Amino acid sequence: MAVSLGSGNNRFFIGLAIILAGAGILAVVLWSIGGPDVTGGSEQDRAAAVIRIAAQRPLGAKDSLATAAQDASPIVRRAAIVGLTQIMDSEDRPVIAKAIGDKDATVRAVAAESLGQFNDAPATGELIRLLETDPDESVRMAALRGLVDCEDPRAIVAMVETAGKDASYEIKLQAGKSALRKAGGRPLPGRTPDNDVLWRDLVQRLKNDSRIRQAYAAAGVALIDHPEDIAKRDLHGERRAPAGGSATMITPGKLK
């Protein structure tokens, strides 16, 4: 029996309409319930649900993760921020911004790294604030990692300043590594904060880099040089402690 081309096309479009209608109904149902549930069960159950949603990314995943970011458990909140970071866009920024102020340091830390992905002036400013003022060292370390993603010149300036002044060995070391990474450099042998001579040498070499000097100027931050910190070698090839001397301040207006 012959079948006309027209009738075949009609059946195709009718079938397609049914499929699209079904998909639309499913979308409405999921939207109406706010996405997959992350509120039931124990702390471990809720955290597992968050991890599963982040991995599978079902319809409504971002709504569910945003809900989980308000959970009573810091474990669930942290998992939610980690999961949201993988799929977030500008609409999710308020969730990350709120997590920056979380009472739990582990939540603040993952939020700080996430914030760097927005790579704009407000993110840079907030990360510098965390670096300078947060009472937890792990959050300050995370702020440094977040600043690596920020192109704002204040980011690398904050790294260099922290490497030269911070009281914490780990923060100094991370700041120096982050500044080198952003400047496209590589670590030099023996440059760690426990070797004061060589660490001051590294910080001054960073300040001597033309790109970093330009960043200071662009950020409007006065660059204080310590040329005497460049370590010298004696006749035996050993590093000598730099001679004492006065610092040189270069103001932004004097940089070209």
Protein backbone atom coordinates (compact mmCIF):
# COMPACT_ATOMS: atom_id res chain seq x y z
CA MET A 1 0.00 0.00 0.00
CA ALA A 2 1.44 3.35 -0.98
CA VAL A 3 1.89 6.06 1.66
CA SER A 4 2.14 9.67 0.62
CA LEU A 5 5.14 11.77 1.63
CA GLY A 6 2.80 14.30 3.15
CA SER A 7 1.28 11.83 5.61
CA GLY A 8 4.76 10.69 6.72
CA ASN A 9 5.78 14.27 7.44
CA ASN A 10 2.59 14.78 9.45
CA ARG A 11 3.34 11.76 11.64
CA PHE A 12 6.90 12.98 12.20
CA PHE A 13 5.82 16.44 13.35
CA ILE A 14 3.06 15.03 15.54
CA GLY A 15 5.58 12.73 17.24
CA LEU A 16 8.05 15.59 17.70
CA ALA A 17 5.32 17.75 19.23
CA ILE A 18 4.46 15.00 21.72
CA ILE A 19 8.12 14.64 22.75
CA LEU A 20 8.58 18.39 23.22
CA ALA A 21 5.36 18.65 25.19
CA GLY A 22 6.49 15.86 27.49
CA ALA A 23 9.85 17.53 28.02
CA GLY A 24 8.10 20.81 28.79
CA ILE A 25 5.85 19.18 31.38
CA LEU A 26 8.87 17.54 33.04
CA ALA A 27 10.71 20.87 33.13
CA VAL A 28 7.73 22.58 34.75
CA VAL A 29 7.42 19.84 37.36
CA LEU A 30 11.11 19.98 38.26
CA TRP A 31 11.09 23.77 38.32
CA SER A 32 8.05 23.80 40.59
CA ILE A 33 9.76 21.60 43.16
CA GLY A 34 13.04 23.55 42.94
CA GLY A 35 15.21 20.78 41.51
CA PRO A 36 16.50 17.60 43.17
CA ASP A 37 16.07 17.42 46.92
CA VAL A 38 19.07 18.19 49.17
CA THR A 39 17.22 18.77 52.43
CA GLY A 40 16.32 15.27 53.61
CA GLY A 41 18.22 12.68 55.60
CA SER A 42 21.35 12.94 57.72
CA GLU A 43 24.27 15.29 57.18
CA GLN A 44 26.05 12.52 55.26
CA ASP A 45 22.94 11.88 53.13
CA ARG A 46 22.62 15.57 52.23
CA ALA A 47 26.32 15.87 51.41
CA ALA A 48 26.12 12.77 49.24
CA ALA A 49 23.10 14.21 47.43
CA VAL A 50 25.01 17.43 46.76
CA ILE A 51 28.00 15.56 45.37
CA ARG A 52 25.74 13.45 43.15
CA ILE A 53 23.90 16.51 41.83
CA ALA A 54 27.17 18.31 41.11
CA ALA A 55 28.45 15.30 39.17
CA GLN A 56 25.27 14.52 37.22
CA ARG A 57 24.01 18.11 36.77
CA PRO A 58 20.30 17.31 36.40
CA LEU A 59 17.73 19.97 35.58
CA GLY A 60 17.44 22.29 38.57
CA ALA A 61 20.95 21.44 39.83
CA LYS A 62 21.99 25.04 40.49
CA ASP A 63 18.84 25.75 42.51
CA SER A 64 19.48 22.66 44.62
CA LEU A 65 23.12 23.58 45.20
CA ALA A 66 22.15 27.13 46.15
CA THR A 67 19.71 25.67 48.68
CA ALA A 68 22.40 23.34 50.06
CA ALA A 69 24.74 26.33 50.47
CA GLN A 70 22.41 27.48 53.27
CA ASP A 71 22.43 24.10 55.07
CA ALA A 72 23.03 23.95 58.83
CA SER A 73 26.05 21.69 58.27
CA PRO A 74 29.35 23.26 57.12
CA ILE A 75 30.16 19.96 55.39
CA VAL A 76 27.07 20.29 53.20
CA ARG A 77 27.62 24.02 52.63
CA ARG A 78 31.22 23.41 51.57
CA ALA A 79 30.22 20.61 49.20
CA ALA A 80 27.55 22.86 47.70
CA ILE A 81 30.01 25.68 46.97
CA VAL A 82 32.50 23.25 45.45
CA GLY A 83 29.76 21.79 43.25
CA LEU A 84 28.34 25.16 42.27
CA THR A 85 31.78 26.40 41.25
CA GLN A 86 31.87 23.82 38.46
CA ILE A 87 28.70 25.14 36.79
CA MET A 88 28.25 28.68 38.08
CA ASP A 89 27.76 31.88 36.12
CA SER A 90 27.21 35.51 37.11
CA GLU A 91 23.72 34.73 38.45
CA ASP A 92 25.26 32.53 41.14
CA ARG A 93 27.58 35.21 42.48
CA PRO A 94 25.36 36.15 45.45
CA VAL A 95 25.66 32.58 46.75
CA ILE A 96 29.46 32.75 46.59
CA ALA A 97 29.50 36.24 48.10
CA LYS A 98 27.43 35.07 51.07
CA ALA A 99 29.72 32.06 51.58
CA ILE A 100 32.71 34.44 51.82
CA GLY A 101 31.24 35.57 55.14
CA ASP A 102 30.44 32.07 56.43
CA LYS A 103 31.30 31.40 60.07
CA ASP A 104 33.10 28.20 59.06
CA ALA A 105 36.63 28.72 57.71
CA THR A 106 36.50 25.73 55.34
CA VAL A 107 33.43 27.21 53.62
CA ARG A 108 35.09 30.65 53.37
CA ALA A 109 38.18 29.02 51.86
CA VAL A 110 36.37 27.24 49.00
CA ALA A 111 34.30 30.37 48.37
CA ALA A 112 37.47 32.49 48.14
CA GLU A 113 38.94 30.28 45.43
CA SER A 114 35.62 30.34 43.59
CA LEU A 115 35.39 34.12 43.78
CA GLY A 116 38.63 34.51 41.82
CA GLN A 117 36.93 33.00 38.77
CA PHE A 118 34.83 36.15 38.36
CA ASN A 119 38.07 38.00 37.63
CA ASP A 120 36.88 41.56 38.18
CA ALA A 121 37.63 44.52 40.43
CA PRO A 122 35.10 43.65 43.19
CA ALA A 123 36.38 40.06 43.37
CA THR A 124 39.98 41.27 43.57
CA GLY A 125 39.16 43.75 46.31
CA GLU A 126 37.29 41.17 48.38
CA LEU A 127 40.09 38.62 48.03
CA ILE A 128 42.68 41.18 49.12
CA ARG A 129 40.50 41.96 52.14
CA LEU A 130 40.41 38.27 53.05
CA LEU A 131 44.16 37.97 52.54
CA GLU A 132 44.83 40.88 54.86
CA THR A 133 42.21 40.38 57.55
CA ASP A 134 40.81 36.84 57.77
CA PRO A 135 41.83 35.22 61.07
CA ASP A 136 42.21 31.76 59.52
CA GLU A 137 45.39 30.99 57.61
CA SER A 138 43.69 28.47 55.30
CA VAL A 139 41.29 31.20 54.11
CA ARG A 140 44.17 33.57 53.45
CA MET A 141 45.95 30.85 51.47
CA ALA A 142 42.76 30.31 49.45
CA ALA A 143 42.51 34.05 48.83
CA LEU A 144 46.01 33.97 47.32
CA ARG A 145 44.99 31.11 45.04
CA GLY A 146 41.89 33.03 44.03
CA LEU A 147 43.95 36.13 43.24
CA VAL A 148 46.01 34.15 40.72
CA ASP A 149 42.89 34.16 38.50
CA CYS A 150 42.45 37.94 38.79
CA GLU A 151 43.97 40.17 36.12
CA ASP A 152 43.47 43.33 38.19
CA PRO A 153 46.98 44.76 38.86
CA ARG A 154 46.19 44.98 42.57
CA ALA A 155 46.30 41.16 42.70
CA ILE A 156 50.00 40.74 42.00
CA VAL A 157 50.85 43.83 44.07
CA ALA A 158 49.10 42.24 47.06
CA MET A 159 51.08 39.03 46.50
CA VAL A 160 54.45 40.80 46.43
CA GLU A 161 53.62 42.93 49.47
CA THR A 162 52.45 39.86 51.40
CA ALA A 163 55.57 37.91 50.45
CA GLY A 164 57.70 40.68 51.91
CA LYS A 165 55.79 41.52 55.07
CA ASP A 166 53.57 38.72 56.34
CA ALA A 167 54.45 37.04 59.62
CA SER A 168 53.37 33.56 58.50
CA TYR A 169 55.91 31.30 56.79
CA GLU A 170 53.25 29.49 54.75
CA ILE A 171 51.51 32.70 53.66
CA LYS A 172 54.83 34.27 52.62
CA LEU A 173 55.79 31.17 50.66
CA GLN A 174 52.40 30.93 48.90
CA ALA A 175 52.46 34.67 48.12
CA GLY A 176 55.91 34.43 46.57
CA LYS A 177 54.94 31.39 44.49
CA SER A 178 51.71 33.06 43.36
CA ALA A 179 53.54 36.25 42.34
CA LEU A 180 56.09 34.24 40.37
CA ARG A 181 53.32 32.31 38.65
CA LYS A 182 51.47 35.47 37.63
CA ALA A 183 54.69 37.12 36.44
CA GLY A 184 55.59 34.09 34.36
CA GLY A 185 58.71 33.35 36.41
CA ARG A 186 59.98 30.21 38.08
CA PRO A 187 61.13 29.51 41.64
CA LEU A 188 64.84 30.01 42.30
CA PRO A 189 66.77 27.45 44.39
CA GLY A 190 66.91 28.10 48.11
CA ARG A 191 64.34 30.90 48.10
CA THR A 192 62.14 30.10 51.08
CA PRO A 193 61.11 32.39 53.94
CA ASP A 194 63.29 30.54 56.45
CA ASN A 195 66.35 31.80 54.53
CA ASP A 196 65.88 35.49 55.18
CA VAL A 197 68.75 36.60 52.94
CA LEU A 198 67.59 34.75 49.85
CA TRP A 199 63.91 35.45 50.48
CA ARG A 200 64.50 39.21 50.63
CA ASP A 201 66.55 38.77 47.46
CA LEU A 202 63.57 37.09 45.76
CA VAL A 203 61.11 39.80 46.84
CA GLN A 204 63.35 42.55 45.50
CA ARG A 205 63.88 40.66 42.24
CA LEU A 206 60.10 40.49 41.90
CA LYS A 207 59.91 44.25 42.40
CA ASN A 208 62.60 44.72 39.75
CA ASP A 209 60.43 42.95 37.16
CA SER A 210 59.06 45.52 34.70
CA ARG A 211 55.61 43.93 34.63
CA ILE A 212 55.31 44.08 38.39
CA ARG A 213 56.52 47.67 38.48
CA GLN A 214 53.84 48.53 35.94
CA ALA A 215 51.26 46.75 38.11
CA TYR A 216 52.24 48.90 41.12
CA ALA A 217 51.80 52.02 39.00
CA ALA A 218 48.45 50.87 37.61
CA ALA A 219 47.21 49.96 41.10
CA GLY A 220 48.28 53.34 42.49
CA VAL A 221 50.48 51.72 45.15
CA ALA A 222 53.85 53.17 46.07
CA LEU A 223 56.64 50.70 45.36
CA ILE A 224 59.31 50.66 48.07
CA ASP A 225 62.58 49.33 46.71
CA HIS A 226 65.29 47.73 48.81
CA PRO A 227 68.14 47.40 46.29
CA GLU A 228 70.48 46.37 49.10
CA ASP A 229 68.44 43.15 49.46
CA ILE A 230 69.88 41.70 46.24
CA ALA A 231 72.27 39.11 47.68
CA LYS A 232 75.90 39.23 46.56
CA ARG A 233 78.36 36.39 46.18
CA ASP A 234 81.72 36.41 47.91
CA LEU A 235 84.97 35.12 46.39
CA HIS A 236 84.00 31.53 47.22
CA GLY A 237 80.64 31.79 45.44
CA GLU A 238 78.67 31.84 48.71
CA ARG A 239 75.75 34.16 49.20
CA ARG A 240 76.47 37.03 51.57
CA ALA A 241 73.89 38.85 53.63
CA PRO A 242 73.00 42.15 51.98
CA ALA A 243 74.56 45.23 53.43
CA GLY A 244 72.24 47.53 55.33
CA GLY A 245 70.95 50.57 53.54
CA SER A 246 68.04 52.88 53.18
CA ALA A 247 65.00 51.97 51.13
CA THR A 248 64.05 53.78 47.97
CA MET A 249 60.41 54.68 47.45
CA ILE A 250 59.09 54.97 43.91
CA THR A 251 55.68 56.57 43.77
CA PRO A 252 53.19 55.65 41.04
CA GLY A 253 53.63 59.03 39.37
CA LYS A 254 57.34 58.41 38.82
CA LEU A 255 56.82 55.12 37.00
CA LYS A 256 56.46 55.14 33.25
